N, C-alpha and C. Protein backbone atom coordinates (compact mmCIF):
# COMPACT_ATOMS: atom_id res chain seq x y z
N MET A 1 0.87 -1.26 -0.01
CA MET A 1 0.08 0.02 -0.04
C MET A 1 0.85 1.20 0.04
N ASN A 2 0.63 2.08 -0.95
CA ASN A 2 1.65 3.32 -1.07
C ASN A 2 1.11 4.22 0.08
N PRO A 3 2.09 5.23 0.39
CA PRO A 3 1.81 6.21 1.52
C PRO A 3 0.43 6.99 1.49
N THR A 4 0.10 7.42 0.33
CA THR A 4 -0.98 8.21 0.14
C THR A 4 -2.32 7.34 0.45
N THR A 5 -2.32 6.14 0.12
CA THR A 5 -3.53 5.33 0.46
C THR A 5 -3.55 5.08 1.87
N ARG A 6 -2.32 4.71 2.33
CA ARG A 6 -2.18 4.43 3.89
C ARG A 6 -2.74 5.56 4.71
N LEU A 7 -2.29 6.64 4.34
CA LEU A 7 -2.53 7.99 5.22
C LEU A 7 -4.23 8.13 4.97
N THR A 8 -4.64 8.20 3.76
CA THR A 8 -6.09 8.40 3.48
C THR A 8 -6.89 7.26 4.28
N THR A 9 -6.43 6.07 4.34
CA THR A 9 -7.29 5.02 5.07
C THR A 9 -7.15 5.35 6.49
N SER A 10 -6.10 5.69 7.10
CA SER A 10 -5.95 5.97 8.54
C SER A 10 -6.84 7.26 8.74
N ILE A 11 -6.84 8.27 7.99
CA ILE A 11 -7.61 9.40 8.33
C ILE A 11 -9.11 9.13 8.35
N ARG A 12 -9.43 8.24 7.26
CA ARG A 12 -10.82 7.95 7.20
C ARG A 12 -11.39 7.10 8.49
N ARG A 13 -10.55 6.16 8.93
CA ARG A 13 -10.90 5.37 10.15
C ARG A 13 -11.12 6.22 11.36
N TRP A 14 -10.08 7.17 11.55
CA TRP A 14 -10.35 8.13 12.77
C TRP A 14 -11.46 8.99 12.50
N LEU A 15 -11.81 9.48 11.33
CA LEU A 15 -12.94 10.22 11.15
C LEU A 15 -14.18 9.46 11.35
N LEU A 16 -14.34 8.20 10.92
CA LEU A 16 -15.46 7.38 11.00
C LEU A 16 -15.70 7.31 12.59
N PHE A 17 -14.51 7.04 13.25
CA PHE A 17 -14.70 6.77 14.79
C PHE A 17 -15.25 8.01 15.48
N PHE A 18 -14.72 9.24 15.04
CA PHE A 18 -15.25 10.47 15.42
C PHE A 18 -16.77 10.90 15.25
N ILE A 19 -17.08 10.42 13.88
CA ILE A 19 -18.50 10.70 13.45
C ILE A 19 -19.33 9.74 14.22
N ILE A 20 -19.06 8.60 14.50
CA ILE A 20 -19.97 7.78 15.17
C ILE A 20 -20.07 8.03 16.55
N ALA A 21 -18.95 8.32 17.26
CA ALA A 21 -18.91 8.93 18.59
C ALA A 21 -19.78 10.12 18.74
N LEU A 22 -19.67 11.08 17.80
CA LEU A 22 -20.37 12.25 17.94
C LEU A 22 -21.95 12.08 17.79
N ALA A 23 -22.27 11.21 16.65
CA ALA A 23 -23.67 10.89 16.63
C ALA A 23 -24.24 10.12 17.70
N PHE A 24 -23.51 9.18 18.21
CA PHE A 24 -23.88 8.44 19.30
C PHE A 24 -24.22 9.46 20.52
N SER A 25 -23.27 10.43 20.70
CA SER A 25 -23.43 11.35 21.93
C SER A 25 -24.65 12.22 21.71
N GLY A 26 -24.93 12.48 20.44
CA GLY A 26 -26.29 13.27 20.12
C GLY A 26 -27.51 12.52 20.41
N ILE A 27 -27.46 11.26 19.90
CA ILE A 27 -28.65 10.32 19.97
C ILE A 27 -29.06 10.16 21.42
N THR A 28 -28.10 10.09 22.35
CA THR A 28 -28.31 9.82 23.72
C THR A 28 -28.97 10.83 24.41
N ALA A 29 -29.01 12.13 23.68
CA ALA A 29 -29.67 13.17 24.41
C ALA A 29 -31.11 13.28 24.14
N PHE A 30 -31.62 12.58 23.23
CA PHE A 30 -33.07 12.44 23.03
C PHE A 30 -33.77 11.67 24.07
N ALA A 31 -33.34 10.77 24.72
CA ALA A 31 -34.01 9.86 25.61
C ALA A 31 -33.22 10.20 27.24
N VAL A 32 -33.07 11.33 27.58
CA VAL A 32 -32.34 11.44 28.70
C VAL A 32 -33.05 10.83 29.98
N GLU A 33 -34.47 11.06 30.08
CA GLU A 33 -35.03 10.46 31.32
C GLU A 33 -35.01 9.01 31.47
N SER A 34 -35.18 8.24 30.20
CA SER A 34 -35.25 6.87 30.09
C SER A 34 -33.80 6.40 30.38
N GLU A 35 -32.83 6.91 29.97
CA GLU A 35 -31.47 6.56 30.11
C GLU A 35 -31.02 6.77 31.54
N LEU A 36 -31.48 7.85 32.05
CA LEU A 36 -31.03 7.97 33.55
C LEU A 36 -31.83 7.12 34.51
N ALA A 37 -33.15 6.64 34.10
CA ALA A 37 -33.78 5.52 34.89
C ALA A 37 -33.09 4.20 34.77
N TRP A 38 -32.58 4.01 33.48
CA TRP A 38 -31.97 2.65 33.29
C TRP A 38 -30.50 2.75 34.13
N LEU A 39 -29.81 3.86 33.96
CA LEU A 39 -28.60 4.01 34.79
C LEU A 39 -28.70 3.87 36.23
N ILE A 40 -29.73 4.33 36.83
CA ILE A 40 -30.00 4.30 38.16
C ILE A 40 -30.33 2.86 38.59
N ARG A 41 -31.10 2.16 37.77
CA ARG A 41 -31.51 0.74 38.02
C ARG A 41 -30.07 -0.13 38.15
N ILE A 42 -29.23 0.08 37.23
CA ILE A 42 -27.96 -0.79 37.10
C ILE A 42 -26.92 -0.22 37.96
N TRP A 43 -26.89 1.10 38.39
CA TRP A 43 -25.69 1.71 39.11
C TRP A 43 -26.00 1.35 40.62
N PRO A 44 -25.06 0.92 41.22
CA PRO A 44 -25.21 0.72 42.74
C PRO A 44 -25.24 1.83 43.59
N LEU A 45 -26.57 2.25 43.91
CA LEU A 45 -26.92 3.63 44.48
C LEU A 45 -26.41 3.62 45.93
N GLY A 46 -25.58 4.34 46.19
CA GLY A 46 -25.05 4.47 47.63
C GLY A 46 -25.01 5.92 48.06
N LYS A 47 -24.25 6.09 48.89
CA LYS A 47 -23.95 7.54 49.40
C LYS A 47 -22.95 8.35 48.68
N GLY A 48 -22.40 7.85 47.60
CA GLY A 48 -21.34 8.48 46.94
C GLY A 48 -21.85 9.77 46.17
N LEU A 49 -20.87 10.65 45.75
CA LEU A 49 -21.23 11.81 45.17
C LEU A 49 -21.96 11.59 43.72
N LEU A 50 -21.33 10.63 42.93
CA LEU A 50 -21.88 10.38 41.65
C LEU A 50 -23.26 9.82 41.69
N SER A 51 -23.48 8.93 42.66
CA SER A 51 -24.88 8.24 42.93
C SER A 51 -25.75 9.25 43.27
N SER A 52 -25.43 10.30 44.21
CA SER A 52 -26.38 11.30 44.53
C SER A 52 -26.70 11.96 43.41
N TRP A 53 -25.65 12.57 42.74
CA TRP A 53 -25.93 13.62 41.61
C TRP A 53 -26.71 12.72 40.47
N LEU A 54 -26.58 11.59 40.26
CA LEU A 54 -27.50 10.97 39.17
C LEU A 54 -28.89 10.85 39.56
N LEU A 55 -29.17 10.63 40.80
CA LEU A 55 -30.56 10.40 41.44
C LEU A 55 -31.13 11.79 41.38
N HIS A 56 -30.35 12.86 41.75
CA HIS A 56 -30.77 14.16 41.86
C HIS A 56 -31.15 14.77 40.40
N VAL A 57 -30.43 14.35 39.44
CA VAL A 57 -30.61 14.79 37.91
C VAL A 57 -31.79 13.96 37.46
N TYR A 58 -31.91 12.81 37.56
CA TYR A 58 -32.91 11.88 37.40
C TYR A 58 -34.44 12.46 37.93
N ASN A 59 -34.43 12.72 39.11
CA ASN A 59 -35.60 13.35 39.80
C ASN A 59 -35.95 14.62 39.22
N ALA A 60 -34.98 15.47 38.98
CA ALA A 60 -35.23 16.78 38.14
C ALA A 60 -35.77 16.52 36.70
N VAL A 61 -35.15 15.67 35.97
CA VAL A 61 -35.66 15.48 34.71
C VAL A 61 -36.97 14.96 34.76
N GLN A 62 -37.21 13.99 35.60
CA GLN A 62 -38.58 13.35 35.62
C GLN A 62 -39.70 14.44 36.05
N ALA A 63 -39.46 15.27 37.03
CA ALA A 63 -40.32 16.34 37.54
C ALA A 63 -40.57 17.26 36.47
N THR A 64 -39.45 17.79 35.84
CA THR A 64 -39.64 18.77 34.67
C THR A 64 -40.50 18.06 33.49
N ASN A 65 -40.09 16.81 33.27
CA ASN A 65 -40.87 16.27 32.06
C ASN A 65 -42.34 16.09 32.38
N ALA A 66 -42.61 15.79 33.56
CA ALA A 66 -43.95 15.54 34.10
C ALA A 66 -44.83 16.91 34.01
N GLN A 67 -44.24 18.08 34.46
CA GLN A 67 -44.88 19.28 34.47
C GLN A 67 -44.60 20.25 33.37
N TYR A 68 -43.42 20.06 32.67
CA TYR A 68 -43.16 20.89 31.58
C TYR A 68 -42.49 20.11 30.36
N PRO A 69 -43.09 19.26 29.86
CA PRO A 69 -42.36 18.36 28.72
C PRO A 69 -41.63 19.09 27.63
N PHE A 70 -42.08 20.37 27.36
CA PHE A 70 -41.47 21.14 26.32
C PHE A 70 -40.13 21.53 26.62
N ILE A 71 -39.66 21.67 27.92
CA ILE A 71 -38.25 22.07 28.38
C ILE A 71 -37.39 21.02 27.66
N SER A 72 -37.67 19.71 27.66
CA SER A 72 -36.86 18.72 26.92
C SER A 72 -36.61 18.99 25.48
N TYR A 73 -37.33 19.85 24.98
CA TYR A 73 -37.18 20.20 23.45
C TYR A 73 -35.80 20.81 23.22
N GLY A 74 -35.24 21.36 24.20
CA GLY A 74 -33.80 21.80 24.32
C GLY A 74 -32.90 20.86 24.13
N SER A 75 -33.18 19.74 24.64
CA SER A 75 -32.11 18.55 24.74
C SER A 75 -32.27 17.93 23.24
N ASP A 76 -33.64 18.09 22.59
CA ASP A 76 -33.79 17.55 21.28
C ASP A 76 -32.87 18.25 20.27
N TRP A 77 -32.95 19.57 20.53
CA TRP A 77 -32.08 20.47 19.58
C TRP A 77 -30.59 20.30 19.78
N LEU A 78 -30.17 19.85 21.06
CA LEU A 78 -28.81 19.53 21.34
C LEU A 78 -28.32 18.19 20.63
N ALA A 79 -29.35 17.19 20.64
CA ALA A 79 -29.11 16.06 20.03
C ALA A 79 -29.01 16.32 18.40
N PHE A 80 -29.85 17.15 18.03
CA PHE A 80 -29.94 17.45 16.58
C PHE A 80 -28.72 18.11 16.08
N ALA A 81 -28.11 18.95 16.82
CA ALA A 81 -27.06 19.76 16.59
C ALA A 81 -25.81 18.72 16.52
N HIS A 82 -25.61 17.73 17.40
CA HIS A 82 -24.52 16.76 17.46
C HIS A 82 -24.62 15.98 15.99
N LEU A 83 -25.78 15.68 15.64
CA LEU A 83 -26.04 14.86 14.39
C LEU A 83 -25.61 15.76 13.21
N VAL A 84 -25.89 16.91 13.04
CA VAL A 84 -25.64 17.94 11.97
C VAL A 84 -24.24 18.13 12.22
N ILE A 85 -23.60 18.33 13.19
CA ILE A 85 -22.08 18.48 13.06
C ILE A 85 -21.36 17.07 12.72
N ALA A 86 -21.97 16.07 13.17
CA ALA A 86 -21.17 14.61 12.61
C ALA A 86 -21.28 14.75 11.09
N ILE A 87 -22.40 15.21 10.48
CA ILE A 87 -22.62 15.07 9.01
C ILE A 87 -21.70 16.07 8.47
N ALA A 88 -21.19 17.27 8.95
CA ALA A 88 -20.28 17.99 8.44
C ALA A 88 -18.90 17.18 8.20
N PHE A 89 -18.60 16.38 9.10
CA PHE A 89 -17.33 15.62 8.99
C PHE A 89 -17.40 14.54 7.81
N ILE A 90 -18.40 14.44 7.10
CA ILE A 90 -18.43 13.68 5.92
C ILE A 90 -17.52 14.19 4.74
N GLY A 91 -17.40 15.76 4.86
CA GLY A 91 -16.65 16.44 3.95
C GLY A 91 -15.12 15.94 4.01
N PRO A 92 -14.52 16.02 5.20
CA PRO A 92 -13.15 15.45 5.16
C PRO A 92 -12.94 14.00 5.11
N LEU A 93 -14.07 13.24 5.32
CA LEU A 93 -14.16 11.88 4.99
C LEU A 93 -13.98 11.72 3.57
N ARG A 94 -14.58 12.46 2.76
CA ARG A 94 -14.57 12.38 1.20
C ARG A 94 -13.21 12.91 0.79
N ASP A 95 -12.81 13.98 1.24
CA ASP A 95 -11.71 14.81 0.69
C ASP A 95 -10.96 15.55 1.91
N PRO A 96 -10.11 14.80 2.66
CA PRO A 96 -9.56 15.29 3.69
C PRO A 96 -8.66 16.58 3.33
N VAL A 97 -7.92 16.78 2.41
CA VAL A 97 -7.07 17.74 2.38
C VAL A 97 -7.90 19.09 1.90
N ARG A 98 -8.96 18.91 1.02
CA ARG A 98 -9.81 20.07 0.76
C ARG A 98 -10.59 20.48 1.85
N ASN A 99 -11.04 19.74 2.76
CA ASN A 99 -11.89 19.99 3.78
C ASN A 99 -11.17 20.00 5.36
N LYS A 100 -9.94 20.16 5.17
CA LYS A 100 -9.03 20.25 6.50
C LYS A 100 -9.65 21.20 7.52
N TRP A 101 -10.24 22.35 6.97
CA TRP A 101 -10.71 23.37 7.89
C TRP A 101 -11.73 22.95 8.67
N ILE A 102 -12.58 21.78 8.39
CA ILE A 102 -13.54 21.29 9.22
C ILE A 102 -12.97 20.62 10.38
N ILE A 103 -11.74 19.93 10.24
CA ILE A 103 -10.98 19.33 11.35
C ILE A 103 -10.71 20.46 12.25
N ARG A 104 -10.18 21.65 11.86
CA ARG A 104 -9.76 22.71 12.73
C ARG A 104 -10.98 23.10 13.43
N PHE A 105 -12.07 23.32 12.68
CA PHE A 105 -13.39 23.68 13.38
C PHE A 105 -13.68 22.69 14.54
N GLY A 106 -13.52 21.41 14.36
CA GLY A 106 -13.89 20.59 15.34
C GLY A 106 -13.05 20.67 16.46
N GLN A 107 -11.70 20.88 16.24
CA GLN A 107 -10.87 21.11 17.36
C GLN A 107 -11.16 22.39 18.13
N ILE A 108 -11.55 23.42 17.55
CA ILE A 108 -12.08 24.63 18.22
C ILE A 108 -13.12 24.24 19.10
N ALA A 109 -14.12 23.68 18.58
CA ALA A 109 -15.36 23.27 19.17
C ALA A 109 -15.01 22.32 20.49
N CYS A 110 -14.01 21.33 20.40
CA CYS A 110 -13.49 20.66 21.39
C CYS A 110 -13.13 21.47 22.55
N LEU A 111 -12.20 22.49 22.07
CA LEU A 111 -11.53 23.23 23.12
C LEU A 111 -12.57 24.22 23.71
N ALA A 112 -13.52 24.70 23.08
CA ALA A 112 -14.60 25.72 23.58
C ALA A 112 -15.50 25.06 24.62
N ILE A 113 -15.48 23.59 24.69
CA ILE A 113 -16.14 23.01 25.76
C ILE A 113 -15.59 23.31 27.24
N PHE A 114 -14.43 23.62 27.22
CA PHE A 114 -13.62 23.89 28.60
C PHE A 114 -14.22 25.18 29.17
N PRO A 115 -14.20 26.40 28.44
CA PRO A 115 -14.82 27.49 29.13
C PRO A 115 -16.29 27.47 29.35
N LEU A 116 -16.92 26.76 28.47
CA LEU A 116 -18.44 26.71 28.62
C LEU A 116 -18.68 25.91 29.91
N ALA A 117 -17.96 24.68 30.11
CA ALA A 117 -18.19 23.86 31.27
C ALA A 117 -17.81 24.69 32.54
N PHE A 118 -16.71 25.39 32.51
CA PHE A 118 -16.19 26.21 33.81
C PHE A 118 -16.92 27.55 34.08
N ILE A 119 -17.65 28.06 33.03
CA ILE A 119 -18.21 29.30 33.24
C ILE A 119 -19.76 28.84 33.59
N ALA A 120 -20.42 28.14 32.74
CA ALA A 120 -21.94 27.76 32.78
C ALA A 120 -22.22 26.78 34.10
N GLY A 121 -21.17 25.93 34.24
CA GLY A 121 -21.15 24.93 35.23
C GLY A 121 -21.56 25.51 36.58
N PRO A 122 -20.66 26.44 37.07
CA PRO A 122 -21.05 26.98 38.34
C PRO A 122 -22.36 27.80 38.41
N ILE A 123 -22.69 28.56 37.38
CA ILE A 123 -23.93 29.27 37.22
C ILE A 123 -25.16 28.38 37.33
N ARG A 124 -24.97 27.05 36.79
CA ARG A 124 -26.11 26.23 36.74
C ARG A 124 -25.97 25.09 37.85
N HIS A 125 -25.10 25.42 38.85
CA HIS A 125 -24.70 24.60 39.95
C HIS A 125 -24.56 23.04 39.53
N ILE A 126 -23.67 23.00 38.69
CA ILE A 126 -23.28 21.69 38.26
C ILE A 126 -21.88 21.42 39.08
N PRO A 127 -21.82 20.28 39.75
CA PRO A 127 -20.64 19.90 40.58
C PRO A 127 -19.40 19.85 39.60
N LEU A 128 -18.25 20.35 40.26
CA LEU A 128 -16.93 20.31 39.47
C LEU A 128 -16.59 18.91 38.91
N PHE A 129 -16.95 17.93 39.47
CA PHE A 129 -16.61 16.49 38.96
C PHE A 129 -17.29 16.30 37.75
N TRP A 130 -18.62 16.78 37.72
CA TRP A 130 -19.49 16.80 36.28
C TRP A 130 -18.87 17.48 35.27
N GLN A 131 -18.38 18.74 35.69
CA GLN A 131 -17.84 19.80 34.72
C GLN A 131 -16.65 19.10 34.12
N LEU A 132 -15.82 18.33 34.96
CA LEU A 132 -14.64 17.59 34.48
C LEU A 132 -15.01 16.49 33.52
N ILE A 133 -16.08 15.90 33.76
CA ILE A 133 -16.61 14.88 32.88
C ILE A 133 -17.16 15.42 31.53
N ASP A 134 -17.77 16.52 31.66
CA ASP A 134 -18.03 17.22 30.30
C ASP A 134 -16.81 17.64 29.65
N CYS A 135 -15.93 18.16 30.29
CA CYS A 135 -14.55 18.58 29.63
C CYS A 135 -13.85 17.32 29.00
N SER A 136 -14.10 16.23 29.54
CA SER A 136 -13.27 14.98 29.02
C SER A 136 -13.87 14.72 27.74
N PHE A 137 -15.05 15.03 27.24
CA PHE A 137 -15.49 14.87 25.96
C PHE A 137 -14.85 15.65 24.85
N GLY A 138 -14.51 16.94 25.37
CA GLY A 138 -13.65 17.76 24.54
C GLY A 138 -12.28 17.23 24.49
N ALA A 139 -11.76 16.82 25.46
CA ALA A 139 -10.28 16.20 25.49
C ALA A 139 -10.33 14.97 24.61
N ILE A 140 -11.19 14.13 24.84
CA ILE A 140 -11.02 12.86 24.02
C ILE A 140 -11.37 13.15 22.50
N GLY A 141 -12.22 14.22 22.34
CA GLY A 141 -12.54 14.41 20.80
C GLY A 141 -11.39 15.10 20.17
N LEU A 142 -10.53 15.70 21.00
CA LEU A 142 -9.33 16.34 20.27
C LEU A 142 -8.41 15.36 19.87
N ILE A 143 -8.21 14.13 20.45
CA ILE A 143 -7.35 13.20 20.02
C ILE A 143 -7.38 12.67 18.53
N PRO A 144 -8.66 12.15 18.23
CA PRO A 144 -8.77 11.72 16.89
C PRO A 144 -8.55 12.87 15.92
N LEU A 145 -9.04 14.13 16.26
CA LEU A 145 -9.03 15.18 15.33
C LEU A 145 -7.52 15.62 15.15
N ALA A 146 -6.83 15.67 16.25
CA ALA A 146 -5.44 16.18 16.05
C ALA A 146 -4.57 15.02 15.36
N ILE A 147 -5.00 13.84 15.54
CA ILE A 147 -4.18 12.68 14.57
C ILE A 147 -4.68 12.98 13.07
N CYS A 148 -5.96 13.23 12.91
CA CYS A 148 -6.40 13.43 11.54
C CYS A 148 -5.68 14.62 10.98
N TYR A 149 -5.66 15.87 11.72
CA TYR A 149 -5.07 16.99 11.08
C TYR A 149 -3.53 16.69 10.81
N HIS A 150 -2.80 16.09 11.65
CA HIS A 150 -1.46 15.84 11.33
C HIS A 150 -1.36 14.97 10.07
N LYS A 151 -2.22 13.91 9.94
CA LYS A 151 -2.10 13.05 8.85
C LYS A 151 -2.61 13.67 7.63
N ILE A 152 -3.54 14.52 7.71
CA ILE A 152 -3.96 15.46 6.53
C ILE A 152 -2.77 16.27 6.02
N ASN A 153 -2.02 17.03 6.97
CA ASN A 153 -0.87 17.65 6.58
C ASN A 153 0.19 16.77 5.95
N GLN A 154 0.49 15.73 6.31
CA GLN A 154 1.32 14.81 5.54
C GLN A 154 0.81 14.45 4.23
N LEU A 155 -0.48 14.06 4.23
CA LEU A 155 -1.10 13.85 2.78
C LEU A 155 -1.07 14.95 1.78
N GLU A 156 -1.29 16.11 2.47
CA GLU A 156 -1.13 17.26 1.71
C GLU A 156 0.19 17.50 1.20
N LYS A 157 1.26 17.26 1.75
CA LYS A 157 2.63 17.26 1.26
C LYS A 157 2.96 16.30 0.15
N LEU A 158 2.15 15.13 0.18
CA LEU A 158 2.36 13.98 -0.70
C LEU A 158 1.77 14.35 -1.95
N THR A 159 0.55 14.96 -1.91
CA THR A 159 -0.31 15.05 -3.00
C THR A 159 -0.28 16.39 -3.81
N LEU A 160 0.29 17.49 -3.11
CA LEU A 160 0.27 18.71 -3.78
C LEU A 160 1.64 18.84 -4.50
N LYS A 161 1.54 19.22 -5.78
CA LYS A 161 2.83 19.53 -6.46
C LYS A 161 3.61 20.75 -5.97
N PRO A 162 4.85 20.48 -5.95
CA PRO A 162 5.58 21.72 -5.46
C PRO A 162 5.35 22.94 -6.35
N GLN A 163 5.13 24.15 -5.78
CA GLN A 163 5.01 25.39 -6.46
C GLN A 163 6.41 26.00 -6.60
N ASN A 164 6.63 26.23 -8.04
CA ASN A 164 8.05 26.85 -8.13
C ASN A 164 7.71 28.09 -8.78
N SER A 165 8.25 29.22 -8.16
CA SER A 165 8.07 30.47 -8.75
C SER A 165 8.79 30.81 -10.05
N PHE A 166 9.74 29.95 -10.40
CA PHE A 166 10.52 30.18 -11.60
C PHE A 166 9.99 29.35 -12.81
N GLN A 167 9.53 30.10 -13.77
CA GLN A 167 8.84 29.43 -14.91
C GLN A 167 9.62 29.60 -16.12
N PRO A 168 10.43 28.51 -16.66
CA PRO A 168 11.18 28.67 -17.77
C PRO A 168 10.36 29.17 -19.00
N ALA A 169 11.08 29.97 -19.95
CA ALA A 169 10.29 30.46 -21.03
C ALA A 169 10.33 29.33 -22.15
């Protein structure tokens, strides 16, 4: 396998992983109440911080959905946004060099999770440990995107013809 094919295959595998993870992350936002109920059933509920937090969140989501189900429409839009962003990565999947900017956009989005979590988290009374979990999604997302960006730069060097400013007559 030549270097160009090897790089392209590797880039596509990393991007497929990223697209699937992003889409899965979005899909899970549609059924938050059901997923929390399932998690609480299988999670050994004790007096730990995580257990207390999960039960607190479940009770809030359940009460909100019972009284004001339209509030969950915001989560539906969150899920939709994840799916739409995942679709955007089909561009670099098809033509990595031409659509390298989408990888950079994804990296910026992953980094933007940190200020959002650390600014909005305290305002919304989100415990620090959960803010760190949210930040982990950005940190983990950066890994395949950084690998792709590096490999796309390598692919770009292999596929672009050198630009020579001297043109013989």
